[in-house]
Amino acid sequence: MDECFKQRKQIAKEFKTYQKVFIALGDENRQQIFLVLLEHDKIGMRVPEITEKTHLSRPAVSHHLKILKDAG
């Protein structure tokens, strides 16, 4: 195998490892929640705090957080 092919195989393997994360972040609402969490000055936020910073309801935030958590 040539070096280029080996590198492509490695990239494919790593992509498969993180594929669930890419899929989870493919949703605009989850991207918004992710950014809110990253931009918060402390580690961790409660659902009501996230709700205040997004257009989402509490049940929606909880739902999207579960999907993000399950994706790793």
N, C-alpha and C. Protein backbone atom coordinates (compact mmCIF):
# COMPACT_ATOMS: atom_id res chain seq x y z
N MET A 1 0.84 -1.19 0.00
CA MET A 1 0.00 0.00 0.00
C MET A 1 0.88 1.25 0.00
N ASP A 2 0.44 2.20 -0.78
CA ASP A 2 1.22 3.44 -0.77
C ASP A 2 0.82 4.30 0.44
N GLU A 3 1.64 5.26 0.75
CA GLU A 3 1.46 6.09 1.95
C GLU A 3 0.15 6.88 1.91
N CYS A 4 -0.20 7.39 0.74
CA CYS A 4 -1.43 8.18 0.60
C CYS A 4 -2.65 7.31 0.94
N PHE A 5 -2.67 6.08 0.47
CA PHE A 5 -3.78 5.18 0.75
C PHE A 5 -3.87 4.87 2.24
N LYS A 6 -2.73 4.68 2.88
CA LYS A 6 -2.71 4.42 4.32
C LYS A 6 -3.30 5.61 5.09
N GLN A 7 -2.93 6.80 4.67
CA GLN A 7 -3.44 8.00 5.34
C GLN A 7 -4.95 8.12 5.16
N ARG A 8 -5.44 7.83 3.93
CA ARG A 8 -6.88 7.90 3.69
C ARG A 8 -7.63 6.87 4.52
N LYS A 9 -7.06 5.69 4.66
CA LYS A 9 -7.68 4.64 5.49
C LYS A 9 -7.74 5.09 6.95
N GLN A 10 -6.69 5.75 7.44
CA GLN A 10 -6.66 6.24 8.81
C GLN A 10 -7.71 7.33 9.02
N ILE A 11 -7.82 8.23 8.05
CA ILE A 11 -8.82 9.30 8.13
C ILE A 11 -10.22 8.70 8.15
N ALA A 12 -10.47 7.71 7.32
CA ALA A 12 -11.78 7.06 7.28
C ALA A 12 -12.09 6.40 8.62
N LYS A 13 -11.11 5.77 9.23
CA LYS A 13 -11.30 5.13 10.53
C LYS A 13 -11.66 6.17 11.59
N GLU A 14 -10.92 7.28 11.61
CA GLU A 14 -11.18 8.34 12.58
C GLU A 14 -12.54 9.00 12.32
N PHE A 15 -12.90 9.17 11.05
CA PHE A 15 -14.20 9.74 10.73
C PHE A 15 -15.32 8.87 11.27
N LYS A 16 -15.20 7.58 11.10
CA LYS A 16 -16.22 6.65 11.60
C LYS A 16 -16.35 6.73 13.11
N THR A 17 -15.23 6.98 13.79
CA THR A 17 -15.25 7.12 15.24
C THR A 17 -16.11 8.30 15.67
N TYR A 18 -16.05 9.40 14.93
CA TYR A 18 -16.75 10.63 15.29
C TYR A 18 -18.00 10.90 14.46
N GLN A 19 -18.42 9.93 13.68
CA GLN A 19 -19.55 10.12 12.78
C GLN A 19 -20.82 10.50 13.54
N LYS A 20 -21.09 9.89 14.69
CA LYS A 20 -22.27 10.22 15.48
C LYS A 20 -22.25 11.69 15.92
N VAL A 21 -21.07 12.18 16.26
CA VAL A 21 -20.94 13.58 16.68
C VAL A 21 -21.25 14.50 15.50
N PHE A 22 -20.72 14.19 14.33
CA PHE A 22 -20.99 15.01 13.15
C PHE A 22 -22.48 15.04 12.84
N ILE A 23 -23.13 13.88 12.94
CA ILE A 23 -24.56 13.80 12.66
C ILE A 23 -25.33 14.63 13.69
N ALA A 24 -24.98 14.48 14.96
CA ALA A 24 -25.67 15.24 16.02
C ALA A 24 -25.51 16.74 15.82
N LEU A 25 -24.33 17.17 15.42
CA LEU A 25 -24.09 18.60 15.22
C LEU A 25 -24.59 19.10 13.87
N GLY A 26 -25.16 18.21 13.08
CA GLY A 26 -25.74 18.60 11.80
C GLY A 26 -27.05 19.36 11.96
N ASP A 27 -27.62 19.33 13.16
CA ASP A 27 -28.87 20.03 13.44
C ASP A 27 -28.57 21.44 13.95
N GLU A 28 -29.21 22.43 13.39
CA GLU A 28 -28.95 23.82 13.75
C GLU A 28 -29.26 24.11 15.22
N ASN A 29 -30.31 23.50 15.76
CA ASN A 29 -30.65 23.71 17.17
C ASN A 29 -29.56 23.17 18.09
N ARG A 30 -29.02 22.01 17.75
CA ARG A 30 -27.95 21.44 18.58
C ARG A 30 -26.67 22.24 18.44
N GLN A 31 -26.42 22.81 17.27
CA GLN A 31 -25.27 23.70 17.10
C GLN A 31 -25.41 24.92 18.00
N GLN A 32 -26.62 25.46 18.06
CA GLN A 32 -26.87 26.63 18.89
C GLN A 32 -26.66 26.30 20.37
N ILE A 33 -27.17 25.17 20.82
CA ILE A 33 -26.97 24.74 22.21
C ILE A 33 -25.49 24.54 22.49
N PHE A 34 -24.79 23.89 21.57
CA PHE A 34 -23.36 23.63 21.72
C PHE A 34 -22.59 24.94 21.88
N LEU A 35 -22.92 25.93 21.06
CA LEU A 35 -22.25 27.23 21.15
C LEU A 35 -22.58 27.94 22.47
N VAL A 36 -23.83 27.85 22.90
CA VAL A 36 -24.21 28.46 24.18
C VAL A 36 -23.38 27.84 25.31
N LEU A 37 -23.23 26.52 25.28
CA LEU A 37 -22.45 25.85 26.31
C LEU A 37 -20.98 26.25 26.26
N LEU A 38 -20.43 26.36 25.06
CA LEU A 38 -19.02 26.73 24.91
C LEU A 38 -18.76 28.17 25.34
N GLU A 39 -19.71 29.06 25.08
CA GLU A 39 -19.51 30.47 25.37
C GLU A 39 -19.88 30.85 26.80
N HIS A 40 -20.43 29.93 27.56
CA HIS A 40 -20.79 30.20 28.95
C HIS A 40 -19.51 30.31 29.78
N ASP A 41 -19.48 31.26 30.70
CA ASP A 41 -18.25 31.52 31.44
C ASP A 41 -17.92 30.46 32.49
N LYS A 42 -18.84 29.61 32.82
CA LYS A 42 -18.59 28.52 33.77
C LYS A 42 -18.87 27.19 33.10
N ILE A 43 -18.37 26.13 33.69
CA ILE A 43 -18.62 24.80 33.15
C ILE A 43 -19.99 24.33 33.62
N GLY A 44 -20.81 23.92 32.67
CA GLY A 44 -22.13 23.41 32.98
C GLY A 44 -23.20 24.48 33.04
N MET A 45 -24.37 24.12 32.55
CA MET A 45 -25.53 25.00 32.58
C MET A 45 -26.76 24.14 32.83
N ARG A 46 -27.76 24.73 33.44
CA ARG A 46 -29.04 24.06 33.63
C ARG A 46 -29.91 24.32 32.40
N VAL A 47 -30.86 23.43 32.19
CA VAL A 47 -31.75 23.56 31.03
C VAL A 47 -32.44 24.92 30.98
N PRO A 48 -32.97 25.44 32.10
CA PRO A 48 -33.61 26.77 32.02
C PRO A 48 -32.65 27.88 31.56
N GLU A 49 -31.39 27.77 31.93
CA GLU A 49 -30.41 28.77 31.49
C GLU A 49 -30.20 28.69 29.98
N ILE A 50 -30.14 27.48 29.47
CA ILE A 50 -29.97 27.30 28.01
C ILE A 50 -31.22 27.80 27.29
N THR A 51 -32.39 27.50 27.87
CA THR A 51 -33.66 27.95 27.29
C THR A 51 -33.69 29.46 27.15
N GLU A 52 -33.19 30.17 28.16
CA GLU A 52 -33.17 31.64 28.12
C GLU A 52 -32.30 32.17 26.99
N LYS A 53 -31.27 31.43 26.61
CA LYS A 53 -30.33 31.91 25.60
C LYS A 53 -30.64 31.38 24.19
N THR A 54 -31.69 30.59 24.08
CA THR A 54 -32.10 30.05 22.77
C THR A 54 -33.60 30.30 22.58
N HIS A 55 -34.10 29.96 21.44
CA HIS A 55 -35.53 30.07 21.15
C HIS A 55 -36.27 28.77 21.49
N LEU A 56 -35.59 27.84 22.11
CA LEU A 56 -36.14 26.50 22.35
C LEU A 56 -36.85 26.39 23.69
N SER A 57 -37.82 25.49 23.75
CA SER A 57 -38.52 25.21 25.00
C SER A 57 -37.66 24.30 25.87
N ARG A 58 -38.03 24.17 27.14
CA ARG A 58 -37.29 23.27 28.03
C ARG A 58 -37.30 21.84 27.53
N PRO A 59 -38.47 21.29 27.13
CA PRO A 59 -38.45 19.92 26.62
C PRO A 59 -37.56 19.76 25.38
N ALA A 60 -37.57 20.78 24.52
CA ALA A 60 -36.74 20.71 23.30
C ALA A 60 -35.25 20.71 23.67
N VAL A 61 -34.87 21.58 24.60
CA VAL A 61 -33.47 21.63 25.03
C VAL A 61 -33.06 20.29 25.63
N SER A 62 -33.89 19.73 26.49
CA SER A 62 -33.59 18.43 27.10
C SER A 62 -33.43 17.35 26.03
N HIS A 63 -34.31 17.37 25.05
CA HIS A 63 -34.24 16.40 23.95
C HIS A 63 -32.92 16.52 23.18
N HIS A 64 -32.56 17.73 22.83
CA HIS A 64 -31.33 17.95 22.06
C HIS A 64 -30.09 17.63 22.90
N LEU A 65 -30.13 17.94 24.18
CA LEU A 65 -28.99 17.60 25.05
C LEU A 65 -28.80 16.09 25.12
N LYS A 66 -29.90 15.35 25.15
CA LYS A 66 -29.79 13.89 25.19
C LYS A 66 -29.13 13.36 23.92
N ILE A 67 -29.51 13.92 22.79
CA ILE A 67 -28.91 13.50 21.52
C ILE A 67 -27.41 13.82 21.51
N LEU A 68 -27.04 15.00 21.97
CA LEU A 68 -25.62 15.36 22.05
C LEU A 68 -24.87 14.43 22.99
N LYS A 69 -25.46 14.15 24.14
CA LYS A 69 -24.83 13.26 25.11
C LYS A 69 -24.64 11.87 24.52
N ASP A 70 -25.67 11.35 23.88
CA ASP A 70 -25.60 10.01 23.28
C ASP A 70 -24.55 9.93 22.17
N ALA A 71 -24.31 11.06 21.51
CA ALA A 71 -23.32 11.11 20.42
C ALA A 71 -21.89 11.17 20.98
N GLY A 72 -21.79 11.49 22.27
CA GLY A 72 -20.47 11.58 22.88
C GLY A 72 -19.92 12.97 22.87
